[in-house]
Amino acid sequence: MVTISRNELQDLLNTCLDLKLVEVLPEIAYQDYHLPQAINVPLSDFFNERVLRLIPDRSNTIVVYSLNYECHQSGQAAMCLLELGYQTVFDYEPGKIDWRAAQLPIEYGASRIRY
């Protein structure tokens, strides 16, 4: 697993066509606000099943994020993804707090994707 910075994430969002951005916090935190284009796959008992259903192509580039450096859910999710055979997984460890502090665009509300 590789951690990436905000600038590296921005570059990926602009250049990587197969990028999947995944917030791993509970749905209520996702609804509060999330990064644009992110899907919500909470780190829970059903994480593996949900991610396999939502991102079946294990060659997709995936960036996971959670709240901030102190929240270790994104690192745990990244390890799960690697164990499932996903090939390119990044952890945006600074998380959505860092993104929002930089005054970058955010979205609100529920995910359009249902499990």
PDB file of N, CA and C in Angstrom:
ATOM      1  N   MET A   1       0.839  -1.172   0.000  1.00  0.00           N
ATOM      2  CA  MET A   1       0.000   0.000   0.000  1.00  0.00           C
ATOM      3  C   MET A   1       0.884   1.236   0.000  1.00  0.00           C
ATOM      4  N   VAL A   2       0.476   2.213  -0.771  1.00  0.00           N
ATOM      5  CA  VAL A   2       1.225   3.455  -0.900  1.00  0.00           C
ATOM      6  C   VAL A   2       0.326   4.601  -0.448  1.00  0.00           C
ATOM      7  N   THR A   3       0.864   5.483   0.376  1.00  0.00           N
ATOM      8  CA  THR A   3       0.108   6.672   0.748  1.00  0.00           C
ATOM      9  C   THR A   3       0.386   7.776  -0.264  1.00  0.00           C
ATOM     10  N   ILE A   4      -0.623   8.627  -0.469  1.00  0.00           N
ATOM     11  CA  ILE A   4      -0.453   9.734  -1.408  1.00  0.00           C
ATOM     12  C   ILE A   4      -0.879  11.036  -0.742  1.00  0.00           C
ATOM     13  N   SER A   5      -0.365  12.111  -1.266  1.00  0.00           N
ATOM     14  CA  SER A   5      -0.671  13.451  -0.766  1.00  0.00           C
ATOM     15  C   SER A   5      -1.896  14.004  -1.495  1.00  0.00           C
ATOM     16  N   ARG A   6      -2.348  15.136  -1.031  1.00  0.00           N
ATOM     17  CA  ARG A   6      -3.472  15.816  -1.683  1.00  0.00           C
ATOM     18  C   ARG A   6      -3.125  16.160  -3.137  1.00  0.00           C
ATOM     19  N   ASN A   7      -1.916  16.679  -3.364  1.00  0.00           N
ATOM     20  CA  ASN A   7      -1.515  17.032  -4.728  1.00  0.00           C
ATOM     21  C   ASN A   7      -1.460  15.808  -5.634  1.00  0.00           C
ATOM     22  N   GLU A   8      -0.955  14.706  -5.102  1.00  0.00           N
ATOM     23  CA  GLU A   8      -0.906  13.479  -5.904  1.00  0.00           C
ATOM     24  C   GLU A   8      -2.312  12.979  -6.213  1.00  0.00           C
ATOM     25  N   LEU A   9      -3.225  13.101  -5.247  1.00  0.00           N
ATOM     26  CA  LEU A   9      -4.610  12.701  -5.500  1.00  0.00           C
ATOM     27  C   LEU A   9      -5.234  13.584  -6.573  1.00  0.00           C
ATOM     28  N   GLN A  10      -4.998  14.871  -6.500  1.00  0.00           N
ATOM     29  CA  GLN A  10      -5.523  15.771  -7.522  1.00  0.00           C
ATOM     30  C   GLN A  10      -5.005  15.389  -8.906  1.00  0.00           C
ATOM     31  N   ASP A  11      -3.730  15.063  -9.004  1.00  0.00           N
ATOM     32  CA  ASP A  11      -3.160  14.627 -10.284  1.00  0.00           C
ATOM     33  C   ASP A  11      -3.852  13.368 -10.787  1.00  0.00           C
ATOM     34  N   LEU A  12      -4.055  12.395  -9.891  1.00  0.00           N
ATOM     35  CA  LEU A  12      -4.737  11.164 -10.289  1.00  0.00           C
ATOM     36  C   LEU A  12      -6.157  11.438 -10.763  1.00  0.00           C
ATOM     37  N   LEU A  13      -6.874  12.304 -10.047  1.00  0.00           N
ATOM     38  CA  LEU A  13      -8.250  12.629 -10.434  1.00  0.00           C
ATOM     39  C   LEU A  13      -8.300  13.241 -11.830  1.00  0.00           C
ATOM     40  N   ASN A  14      -7.253  13.962 -12.198  1.00  0.00           N
ATOM     41  CA  ASN A  14      -7.212  14.617 -13.510  1.00  0.00           C
ATOM     42  C   ASN A  14      -6.682  13.733 -14.626  1.00  0.00           C
ATOM     43  N   THR A  15      -5.969  12.667 -14.286  1.00  0.00           N
ATOM     44  CA  THR A  15      -5.289  11.901 -15.335  1.00  0.00           C
ATOM     45  C   THR A  15      -5.669  10.421 -15.410  1.00  0.00           C
ATOM     46  N   CYS A  16      -6.197   9.865 -14.345  1.00  0.00           N
ATOM     47  CA  CYS A  16      -6.425   8.418 -14.301  1.00  0.00           C
ATOM     48  C   CYS A  16      -7.881   8.099 -14.646  1.00  0.00           C
ATOM     49  N   LEU A  17      -8.103   7.534 -15.817  1.00  0.00           N
ATOM     50  CA  LEU A  17      -9.467   7.266 -16.287  1.00  0.00           C
ATOM     51  C   LEU A  17     -10.165   6.158 -15.515  1.00  0.00           C
ATOM     52  N   ASP A  18      -9.416   5.211 -14.961  1.00  0.00           N
ATOM     53  CA  ASP A  18     -10.046   4.085 -14.257  1.00  0.00           C
ATOM     54  C   ASP A  18     -10.030   4.259 -12.736  1.00  0.00           C
ATOM     55  N   LEU A  19      -9.818   5.488 -12.273  1.00  0.00           N
ATOM     56  CA  LEU A  19      -9.715   5.744 -10.846  1.00  0.00           C
ATOM     57  C   LEU A  19     -11.050   5.548 -10.141  1.00  0.00           C
ATOM     58  N   LYS A  20     -11.016   4.847  -9.024  1.00  0.00           N
ATOM     59  CA  LYS A  20     -12.161   4.696  -8.132  1.00  0.00           C
ATOM     60  C   LYS A  20     -11.762   5.305  -6.796  1.00  0.00           C
ATOM     61  N   LEU A  21     -12.497   6.312  -6.370  1.00  0.00           N
ATOM     62  CA  LEU A  21     -12.248   7.004  -5.112  1.00  0.00           C
ATOM     63  C   LEU A  21     -13.258   6.491  -4.095  1.00  0.00           C
ATOM     64  N   VAL A  22     -12.768   5.962  -2.970  1.00  0.00           N
ATOM     65  CA  VAL A  22     -13.621   5.266  -2.017  1.00  0.00           C
ATOM     66  C   VAL A  22     -13.467   5.843  -0.615  1.00  0.00           C
ATOM     67  N   GLU A  23     -14.585   6.374  -0.081  1.00  0.00           N
ATOM     68  CA  GLU A  23     -14.602   6.774   1.324  1.00  0.00           C
ATOM     69  C   GLU A  23     -15.021   5.562   2.135  1.00  0.00           C
ATOM     70  N   VAL A  24     -14.261   5.252   3.189  1.00  0.00           N
ATOM     71  CA  VAL A  24     -14.514   4.042   3.973  1.00  0.00           C
ATOM     72  C   VAL A  24     -15.163   4.323   5.327  1.00  0.00           C
ATOM     73  N   LEU A  25     -15.556   5.558   5.548  1.00  0.00           N
ATOM     74  CA  LEU A  25     -16.245   5.923   6.789  1.00  0.00           C
ATOM     75  C   LEU A  25     -17.711   5.487   6.725  1.00  0.00           C
ATOM     76  N   PRO A  26     -18.401   5.443   7.868  1.00  0.00           N
ATOM     77  CA  PRO A  26     -19.827   5.108   7.865  1.00  0.00           C
ATOM     78  C   PRO A  26     -20.635   6.068   6.995  1.00  0.00           C
ATOM     79  N   GLU A  27     -21.787   5.614   6.547  1.00  0.00           N
ATOM     80  CA  GLU A  27     -22.608   6.395   5.618  1.00  0.00           C
ATOM     81  C   GLU A  27     -22.957   7.784   6.144  1.00  0.00           C
ATOM     82  N   ILE A  28     -23.183   7.924   7.416  1.00  0.00           N
ATOM     83  CA  ILE A  28     -23.543   9.240   7.978  1.00  0.00           C
ATOM     84  C   ILE A  28     -22.413  10.247   7.789  1.00  0.00           C
ATOM     85  N   ALA A  29     -21.172   9.808   7.917  1.00  0.00           N
ATOM     86  CA  ALA A  29     -20.026  10.689   7.692  1.00  0.00           C
ATOM     87  C   ALA A  29     -19.901  11.028   6.202  1.00  0.00           C
ATOM     88  N   TYR A  30     -20.172  10.046   5.353  1.00  0.00           N
ATOM     89  CA  TYR A  30     -20.144  10.275   3.903  1.00  0.00           C
ATOM     90  C   TYR A  30     -21.205  11.299   3.513  1.00  0.00           C
ATOM     91  N   GLN A  31     -22.409  11.169   4.074  1.00  0.00           N
ATOM     92  CA  GLN A  31     -23.488  12.096   3.748  1.00  0.00           C
ATOM     93  C   GLN A  31     -23.183  13.513   4.203  1.00  0.00           C
ATOM     94  N   ASP A  32     -22.467  13.646   5.310  1.00  0.00           N
ATOM     95  CA  ASP A  32     -22.110  14.968   5.817  1.00  0.00           C
ATOM     96  C   ASP A  32     -21.352  15.744   4.741  1.00  0.00           C
ATOM     97  N   TYR A  33     -20.304  15.143   4.204  1.00  0.00           N
ATOM     98  CA  TYR A  33     -19.602  15.641   3.022  1.00  0.00           C
ATOM     99  C   TYR A  33     -18.589  14.600   2.591  1.00  0.00           C
ATOM    100  N   HIS A  34     -18.258  14.625   1.316  1.00  0.00           N
ATOM    101  CA  HIS A  34     -17.278  13.688   0.765  1.00  0.00           C
ATOM    102  C   HIS A  34     -16.594  14.313  -0.441  1.00  0.00           C
ATOM    103  N   LEU A  35     -15.520  13.700  -0.858  1.00  0.00           N
ATOM    104  CA  LEU A  35     -14.794  14.184  -2.022  1.00  0.00           C
ATOM    105  C   LEU A  35     -15.621  13.932  -3.277  1.00  0.00           C
ATOM    106  N   PRO A  36     -15.536  14.817  -4.264  1.00  0.00           N
ATOM    107  CA  PRO A  36     -16.296  14.629  -5.500  1.00  0.00           C
ATOM    108  C   PRO A  36     -15.978  13.283  -6.161  1.00  0.00           C
ATOM    109  N   GLN A  37     -17.011  12.650  -6.659  1.00  0.00           N
ATOM    110  CA  GLN A  37     -16.929  11.369  -7.379  1.00  0.00           C
ATOM    111  C   GLN A  37     -16.661  10.182  -6.472  1.00  0.00           C
ATOM    112  N   ALA A  38     -16.556  10.400  -5.166  1.00  0.00           N
ATOM    113  CA  ALA A  38     -16.278   9.279  -4.259  1.00  0.00           C
ATOM    114  C   ALA A  38     -17.517   8.415  -4.080  1.00  0.00           C
ATOM    115  N   ILE A  39     -17.279   7.117  -3.935  1.00  0.00           N
ATOM    116  CA  ILE A  39     -18.338   6.210  -3.533  1.00  0.00           C
ATOM    117  C   ILE A  39     -18.092   5.849  -2.075  1.00  0.00           C
ATOM    118  N   ASN A  40     -19.141   5.409  -1.412  1.00  0.00           N
ATOM    119  CA  ASN A  40     -19.044   5.073  -0.001  1.00  0.00           C
ATOM    120  C   ASN A  40     -19.097   3.563   0.165  1.00  0.00           C
ATOM    121  N   VAL A  41     -18.005   3.008   0.667  1.00  0.00           N
ATOM    122  CA  VAL A  41     -17.950   1.587   1.016  1.00  0.00           C
ATOM    123  C   VAL A  41     -17.396   1.528   2.438  1.00  0.00           C
ATOM    124  N   PRO A  42     -18.299   1.590   3.430  1.00  0.00           N
ATOM    125  CA  PRO A  42     -17.838   1.614   4.817  1.00  0.00           C
ATOM    126  C   PRO A  42     -17.013   0.383   5.168  1.00  0.00           C
ATOM    127  N   LEU A  43     -15.987   0.610   5.957  1.00  0.00           N
ATOM    128  CA  LEU A  43     -15.173  -0.496   6.450  1.00  0.00           C
ATOM    129  C   LEU A  43     -16.000  -1.201   7.521  1.00  0.00           C
ATOM    130  N   SER A  44     -16.544  -2.343   7.162  1.00  0.00           N
ATOM    131  CA  SER A  44     -17.428  -3.094   8.059  1.00  0.00           C
ATOM    132  C   SER A  44     -17.281  -4.571   7.747  1.00  0.00           C
ATOM    133  N   ASP A  45     -18.128  -5.370   8.370  1.00  0.00           N
ATOM    134  CA  ASP A  45     -18.103  -6.816   8.136  1.00  0.00           C
ATOM    135  C   ASP A  45     -18.319  -7.174   6.675  1.00  0.00           C
ATOM    136  N   PHE A  46     -18.985  -6.300   5.921  1.00  0.00           N
ATOM    137  CA  PHE A  46     -19.323  -6.598   4.531  1.00  0.00           C
ATOM    138  C   PHE A  46     -18.471  -5.827   3.528  1.00  0.00           C
ATOM    139  N   PHE A  47     -17.374  -5.244   3.992  1.00  0.00           N
ATOM    140  CA  PHE A  47     -16.536  -4.431   3.112  1.00  0.00           C
ATOM    141  C   PHE A  47     -16.090  -5.212   1.877  1.00  0.00           C
ATOM    142  N   ASN A  48     -15.538  -6.402   2.066  1.00  0.00           N
ATOM    143  CA  ASN A  48     -15.015  -7.171   0.939  1.00  0.00           C
ATOM    144  C   ASN A  48     -16.091  -7.460  -0.093  1.00  0.00           C
ATOM    145  N   GLU A  49     -17.260  -7.907   0.342  1.00  0.00           N
ATOM    146  CA  GLU A  49     -18.338  -8.235  -0.585  1.00  0.00           C
ATOM    147  C   GLU A  49     -18.800  -6.995  -1.349  1.00  0.00           C
ATOM    148  N   ARG A  50     -18.927  -5.880  -0.642  1.00  0.00           N
ATOM    149  CA  ARG A  50     -19.401  -4.651  -1.290  1.00  0.00           C
ATOM    150  C   ARG A  50     -18.400  -4.125  -2.314  1.00  0.00           C
ATOM    151  N   VAL A  51     -17.144  -4.123  -1.945  1.00  0.00           N
ATOM    152  CA  VAL A  51     -16.152  -3.579  -2.870  1.00  0.00           C
ATOM    153  C   VAL A  51     -16.021  -4.482  -4.101  1.00  0.00           C
ATOM    154  N   LEU A  52     -16.102  -5.782  -3.921  1.00  0.00           N
ATOM    155  CA  LEU A  52     -16.034  -6.690  -5.076  1.00  0.00           C
ATOM    156  C   LEU A  52     -17.211  -6.478  -6.017  1.00  0.00           C
ATOM    157  N   ARG A  53     -18.364  -6.155  -5.464  1.00  0.00           N
ATOM    158  CA  ARG A  53     -19.551  -5.906  -6.285  1.00  0.00           C
ATOM    159  C   ARG A  53     -19.447  -4.557  -7.000  1.00  0.00           C
ATOM    160  N   LEU A  54     -18.969  -3.539  -6.293  1.00  0.00           N
ATOM    161  CA  LEU A  54     -18.924  -2.190  -6.859  1.00  0.00           C
ATOM    162  C   LEU A  54     -17.724  -1.949  -7.765  1.00  0.00           C
ATOM    163  N   ILE A  55     -16.626  -2.650  -7.496  1.00  0.00           N
ATOM    164  CA  ILE A  55     -15.405  -2.487  -8.307  1.00  0.00           C
ATOM    165  C   ILE A  55     -14.913  -3.885  -8.698  1.00  0.00           C
ATOM    166  N   PRO A  56     -15.586  -4.511  -9.649  1.00  0.00           N
ATOM    167  CA  PRO A  56     -15.212  -5.884  -9.999  1.00  0.00           C
ATOM    168  C   PRO A  56     -13.866  -6.019 -10.716  1.00  0.00           C
ATOM    169  N   ASP A  57     -13.435  -4.957 -11.399  1.00  0.00           N
ATOM    170  CA  ASP A  57     -12.177  -4.996 -12.143  1.00  0.00           C
ATOM    171  C   ASP A  57     -11.014  -4.706 -11.200  1.00  0.00           C
ATOM    172  N   ARG A  58     -10.251  -5.717 -10.903  1.00  0.00           N
ATOM    173  CA  ARG A  58      -9.155  -5.561  -9.938  1.00  0.00           C
ATOM    174  C   ARG A  58      -7.951  -4.828 -10.511  1.00  0.00           C
ATOM    175  N   SER A  59      -8.032  -4.443 -11.783  1.00  0.00           N
ATOM    176  CA  SER A  59      -6.953  -3.634 -12.350  1.00  0.00           C
ATOM    177  C   SER A  59      -7.237  -2.137 -12.231  1.00  0.00           C
ATOM    178  N   ASN A  60      -8.430  -1.758 -11.745  1.00  0.00           N
ATOM    179  CA  ASN A  60      -8.727  -0.346 -11.516  1.00  0.00           C
ATOM    180  C   ASN A  60      -7.766   0.241 -10.483  1.00  0.00           C
ATOM    181  N   THR A  61      -7.470   1.507 -10.637  1.00  0.00           N
ATOM    182  CA  THR A  61      -6.721   2.233  -9.627  1.00  0.00           C
ATOM    183  C   THR A  61      -7.712   2.673  -8.554  1.00  0.00           C
ATOM    184  N   ILE A  62      -7.399   2.375  -7.303  1.00  0.00           N
ATOM    185  CA  ILE A  62      -8.300   2.712  -6.204  1.00  0.00           C
ATOM    186  C   ILE A  62      -7.567   3.595  -5.199  1.00  0.00           C
ATOM    187  N   VAL A  63      -8.238   4.675  -4.800  1.00  0.00           N
ATOM    188  CA  VAL A  63      -7.759   5.521  -3.716  1.00  0.00           C
ATOM    189  C   VAL A  63      -8.801   5.456  -2.615  1.00  0.00           C
ATOM    190  N   VAL A  64      -8.371   5.040  -1.433  1.00  0.00           N
ATOM    191  CA  VAL A  64      -9.254   5.017  -0.270  1.00  0.00           C
ATOM    192  C   VAL A  64      -8.890   6.173   0.645  1.00  0.00           C
ATOM    193  N   TYR A  65      -9.896   6.681   1.354  1.00  0.00           N
ATOM    194  CA  TYR A  65      -9.631   7.728   2.332  1.00  0.00           C
ATOM    195  C   TYR A  65     -10.646   7.619   3.464  1.00  0.00           C
ATOM    196  N   SER A  66     -10.267   8.214   4.586  1.00  0.00           N
ATOM    197  CA  SER A  66     -11.184   8.296   5.721  1.00  0.00           C
ATOM    198  C   SER A  66     -11.161   9.738   6.229  1.00  0.00           C
ATOM    199  N   LEU A  67     -11.053   9.929   7.530  1.00  0.00           N
ATOM    200  CA  LEU A  67     -11.184  11.268   8.103  1.00  0.00           C
ATOM    201  C   LEU A  67      -9.877  12.062   8.092  1.00  0.00           C
ATOM    202  N   ASN A  68      -8.812  11.471   8.686  1.00  0.00           N
ATOM    203  CA  ASN A  68      -7.545  12.186   8.834  1.00  0.00           C
ATOM    204  C   ASN A  68      -6.450  11.187   9.211  1.00  0.00           C
ATOM    205  N   TYR A  69      -5.286  11.706   9.525  1.00  0.00           N
ATOM    206  CA  TYR A  69      -4.149  10.852   9.878  1.00  0.00           C
ATOM    207  C   TYR A  69      -4.434   9.946  11.072  1.00  0.00           C
ATOM    208  N   GLU A  70      -5.226  10.430  12.015  1.00  0.00           N
ATOM    209  CA  GLU A  70      -5.490   9.655  13.230  1.00  0.00           C
ATOM    210  C   GLU A  70      -6.505   8.538  13.017  1.00  0.00           C
ATOM    211  N   CYS A  71      -7.241   8.601  11.940  1.00  0.00           N
ATOM    212  CA  CYS A  71      -8.226   7.565  11.619  1.00  0.00           C
ATOM    213  C   CYS A  71      -7.542   6.534  10.726  1.00  0.00           C
ATOM    214  N   HIS A  72      -7.463   5.313  11.187  1.00  0.00           N
ATOM    215  CA  HIS A  72      -6.700   4.288  10.468  1.00  0.00           C
ATOM    216  C   HIS A  72      -7.557   3.406   9.562  1.00  0.00           C
ATOM    217  N   GLN A  73      -8.808   3.781   9.358  1.00  0.00           N
ATOM    218  CA  GLN A  73      -9.702   2.955   8.551  1.00  0.00           C
ATOM    219  C   GLN A  73      -9.267   2.861   7.088  1.00  0.00           C
ATOM    220  N   SER A  74      -8.733   3.944   6.549  1.00  0.00           N
ATOM    221  CA  SER A  74      -8.322   3.881   5.138  1.00  0.00           C
ATOM    222  C   SER A  74      -7.135   2.936   4.951  1.00  0.00           C
ATOM    223  N   GLY A  75      -6.213   2.927   5.899  1.00  0.00           N
ATOM    224  CA  GLY A  75      -5.090   1.992   5.817  1.00  0.00           C
ATOM    225  C   GLY A  75      -5.544   0.552   5.917  1.00  0.00           C
ATOM    226  N   GLN A  76      -6.502   0.294   6.798  1.00  0.00           N
ATOM    227  CA  GLN A  76      -7.061  -1.061   6.931  1.00  0.00           C
ATOM    228  C   GLN A  76      -7.778  -1.469   5.654  1.00  0.00           C
ATOM    229  N   ALA A  77      -8.540  -0.539   5.077  1.00  0.00           N
ATOM    230  CA  ALA A  77      -9.250  -0.836   3.832  1.00  0.00           C
ATOM    231  C   ALA A  77      -8.275  -1.114   2.695  1.00  0.00           C
ATOM    232  N   ALA A  78      -7.201  -0.330   2.627  1.00  0.00           N
ATOM    233  CA  ALA A  78      -6.203  -0.541   1.579  1.00  0.00           C
ATOM    234  C   ALA A  78      -5.589  -1.934   1.691  1.00  0.00           C
ATOM    235  N   MET A  79      -5.300  -2.359   2.900  1.00  0.00           N
ATOM    236  CA  MET A  79      -4.747  -3.710   3.099  1.00  0.00           C
ATOM    237  C   MET A  79      -5.748  -4.782   2.652  1.00  0.00           C
ATOM    238  N   CYS A  80      -7.017  -4.602   2.966  1.00  0.00           N
ATOM    239  CA  CYS A  80      -8.060  -5.540   2.524  1.00  0.00           C
ATOM    240  C   CYS A  80      -8.100  -5.624   0.998  1.00  0.00           C
ATOM    241  N   LEU A  81      -8.022  -4.470   0.353  1.00  0.00           N
ATOM    242  CA  LEU A  81      -8.071  -4.440  -1.112  1.00  0.00           C
ATOM    243  C   LEU A  81      -6.888  -5.178  -1.718  1.00  0.00           C
ATOM    244  N   LEU A  82      -5.714  -4.975  -1.160  1.00  0.00           N
ATOM    245  CA  LEU A  82      -4.527  -5.682  -1.657  1.00  0.00           C
ATOM    246  C   LEU A  82      -4.677  -7.189  -1.457  1.00  0.00           C
ATOM    247  N   GLU A  83      -5.226  -7.595  -0.318  1.00  0.00           N
ATOM    248  CA  GLU A  83      -5.450  -9.019  -0.058  1.00  0.00           C
ATOM    249  C   GLU A  83      -6.470  -9.613  -1.018  1.00  0.00           C
ATOM    250  N   LEU A  84      -7.416  -8.787  -1.484  1.00  0.00           N
ATOM    251  CA  LEU A  84      -8.414  -9.244  -2.457  1.00  0.00           C
ATOM    252  C   LEU A  84      -7.861  -9.307  -3.881  1.00  0.00           C
ATOM    253  N   GLY A  85      -6.658  -8.801  -4.072  1.00  0.00           N
ATOM    254  CA  GLY A  85      -6.031  -8.891  -5.391  1.00  0.00           C
ATOM    255  C   GLY A  85      -6.086  -7.630  -6.226  1.00  0.00           C
ATOM    256  N   TYR A  86      -6.543  -6.532  -5.648  1.00  0.00           N
ATOM    257  CA  TYR A  86      -6.499  -5.272  -6.402  1.00  0.00           C
ATOM    258  C   TYR A  86      -5.038  -4.874  -6.547  1.00  0.00           C
ATOM    259  N   GLN A  87      -4.693  -4.395  -7.749  1.00  0.00           N
ATOM    260  CA  GLN A  87      -3.286  -4.218  -8.080  1.00  0.00           C
ATOM    261  C   GLN A  87      -2.722  -2.845  -7.738  1.00  0.00           C
ATOM    262  N   THR A  88      -3.544  -1.804  -7.840  1.00  0.00           N
ATOM    263  CA  THR A  88      -3.058  -0.445  -7.639  1.00  0.00           C
ATOM    264  C   THR A  88      -3.939   0.246  -6.610  1.00  0.00           C
ATOM    265  N   VAL A  89      -3.453   0.295  -5.376  1.00  0.00           N
ATOM    266  CA  VAL A  89      -4.228   0.834  -4.263  1.00  0.00           C
ATOM    267  C   VAL A  89      -3.411   1.920  -3.563  1.00  0.00           C
ATOM    268  N   PHE A  90      -4.049   3.066  -3.363  1.00  0.00           N
ATOM    269  CA  PHE A  90      -3.422   4.178  -2.663  1.00  0.00           C
ATOM    270  C   PHE A  90      -4.269   4.571  -1.462  1.00  0.00           C
ATOM    271  N   ASP A  91      -3.613   5.049  -0.422  1.00  0.00           N
ATOM    272  CA  ASP A  91      -4.282   5.548   0.769  1.00  0.00           C
ATOM    273  C   ASP A  91      -4.037   7.050   0.852  1.00  0.00           C
ATOM    274  N   TYR A  92      -5.117   7.819   0.721  1.00  0.00           N
ATOM    275  CA  TYR A  92      -5.028   9.270   0.930  1.00  0.00           C
ATOM    276  C   TYR A  92      -5.177   9.487   2.429  1.00  0.00           C
ATOM    277  N   GLU A  93      -4.083   9.279   3.116  1.00  0.00           N
ATOM    278  CA  GLU A  93      -4.044   9.247   4.573  1.00  0.00           C
ATOM    279  C   GLU A  93      -4.484  10.561   5.243  1.00  0.00           C
ATOM    280  N   PRO A  94      -4.191  11.735   4.677  1.00  0.00           N
ATOM    281  CA  PRO A  94      -4.650  12.969   5.317  1.00  0.00           C
ATOM    282  C   PRO A  94      -6.177  13.074   5.373  1.00  0.00           C
ATOM    283  N   GLY A  95      -6.858  12.398   4.465  1.00  0.00           N
ATOM    284  CA  GLY A  95      -8.302  12.269   4.511  1.00  0.00           C
ATOM    285  C   GLY A  95      -9.099  13.509   4.165  1.00  0.00           C
ATOM    286  N   LYS A  96     -10.404  13.365   4.388  1.00  0.00           N
ATOM    287  CA  LYS A  96     -11.330  14.408   3.959  1.00  0.00           C
ATOM    288  C   LYS A  96     -11.188  15.707   4.753  1.00  0.00           C
ATOM    289  N   ILE A  97     -10.643  15.652   5.961  1.00  0.00           N
ATOM    290  CA  ILE A  97     -10.388  16.872   6.727  1.00  0.00           C
ATOM    291  C   ILE A  97      -9.352  17.730   5.990  1.00  0.00           C
ATOM    292  N   ASP A  98      -8.292  17.097   5.496  1.00  0.00           N
ATOM    293  CA  ASP A  98      -7.251  17.803   4.748  1.00  0.00           C
ATOM    294  C   ASP A  98      -7.817  18.410   3.467  1.00  0.00           C
ATOM    295  N   TRP A  99      -8.623  17.634   2.757  1.00  0.00           N
ATOM    296  CA  TRP A  99      -9.213  18.088   1.495  1.00  0.00           C
ATOM    297  C   TRP A  99     -10.067  19.340   1.728  1.00  0.00           C
ATOM    298  N   ARG A 100     -10.920  19.263   2.748  1.00  0.00           N
ATOM    299  CA  ARG A 100     -11.819  20.379   3.056  1.00  0.00           C
ATOM    300  C   ARG A 100     -11.036  21.591   3.561  1.00  0.00           C
ATOM    301  N   ALA A 101      -9.999  21.368   4.366  1.00  0.00           N
ATOM    302  CA  ALA A 101      -9.179  22.474   4.880  1.00  0.00           C
ATOM    303  C   ALA A 101      -8.503  23.235   3.745  1.00  0.00           C
ATOM    304  N   ALA A 102      -8.217  22.543   2.650  1.00  0.00           N
ATOM    305  CA  ALA A 102      -7.603  23.174   1.480  1.00  0.00           C
ATOM    306  C   ALA A 102      -8.644  23.889   0.616  1.00  0.00           C
ATOM    307  N   GLN A 103      -9.901  23.863   1.065  1.00  0.00           N
ATOM    308  CA  GLN A 103     -11.020  24.510   0.377  1.00  0.00           C
ATOM    309  C   GLN A 103     -11.231  23.978  -1.034  1.00  0.00           C
ATOM    310  N   LEU A 104     -10.998  22.678  -1.183  1.00  0.00           N
ATOM    311  CA  LEU A 104     -11.255  22.023  -2.462  1.00  0.00           C
ATOM    312  C   LEU A 104     -12.723  21.611  -2.517  1.00  0.00           C
ATOM    313  N   PRO A 105     -13.245  21.348  -3.714  1.00  0.00           N
ATOM    314  CA  PRO A 105     -14.667  21.019  -3.839  1.00  0.00           C
ATOM    315  C   PRO A 105     -15.047  19.773  -3.029  1.00  0.00           C
ATOM    316  N   ILE A 106     -16.233  19.841  -2.422  1.00  0.00           N
ATOM    317  CA  ILE A 106     -16.793  18.696  -1.726  1.00  0.00           C
ATOM    318  C   ILE A 106     -18.244  18.529  -2.166  1.00  0.00           C
ATOM    319  N   GLU A 107     -18.777  17.343  -1.934  1.00  0.00           N
ATOM    320  CA  GLU A 107     -20.167  17.056  -2.238  1.00  0.00           C
ATOM    321  C   GLU A 107     -20.871  16.646  -0.956  1.00  0.00           C
ATOM    322  N   TYR A 108     -22.200  16.736  -0.986  1.00  0.00           N
ATOM    323  CA  TYR A 108     -23.017  16.401   0.165  1.00  0.00           C
ATOM    324  C   TYR A 108     -24.055  15.364  -0.231  1.00  0.00           C
ATOM    325  N   GLY A 109     -24.533  14.628   0.764  1.00  0.00           N
ATOM    326  CA  GLY A 109     -25.655  13.730   0.539  1.00  0.00           C
ATOM    327  C   GLY A 109     -25.265  12.289   0.370  1.00  0.00           C
ATOM    328  N   ALA A 110     -26.288  11.479   0.152  1.00  0.00           N
ATOM    329  CA  ALA A 110     -26.133  10.043   0.060  1.00  0.00           C
ATOM    330  C   ALA A 110     -25.474   9.613  -1.241  1.00  0.00           C
ATOM    331  N   SER A 111     -24.887   8.459  -1.192  1.00  0.00           N
ATOM    332  CA  SER A 111     -24.297   7.856  -2.385  1.00  0.00           C
ATOM    333  C   SER A 111     -25.405   7.485  -3.367  1.00  0.00           C
ATOM    334  N   ARG A 112     -25.136   7.625  -4.627  1.00  0.00           N
ATOM    335  CA  ARG A 112     -26.088   7.189  -5.649  1.00  0.00           C
ATOM    336  C   ARG A 112     -25.995   5.697  -5.890  1.00  0.00           C
ATOM    337  N   ILE A 113     -25.001   5.075  -5.294  1.00  0.00           N
ATOM    338  CA  ILE A 113     -24.785   3.642  -5.467  1.00  0.00           C
ATOM    339  C   ILE A 113     -25.363   2.912  -4.269  1.00  0.00           C
ATOM    340  N   ARG A 114     -26.150   1.920  -4.542  1.00  0.00           N
ATOM    341  CA  ARG A 114     -26.736   1.090  -3.479  1.00  0.00           C
ATOM    342  C   ARG A 114     -26.046  -0.261  -3.485  1.00  0.00           C
ATOM    343  N   TYR A 115     -25.927  -0.837  -2.321  1.00  0.00           N
ATOM    344  CA  TYR A 115     -25.253  -2.126  -2.184  1.00  0.00           C
ATOM    345  C   TYR A 115     -26.176  -3.240  -2.598  1.00  0.00           C
TER     346      TYR A 115
END
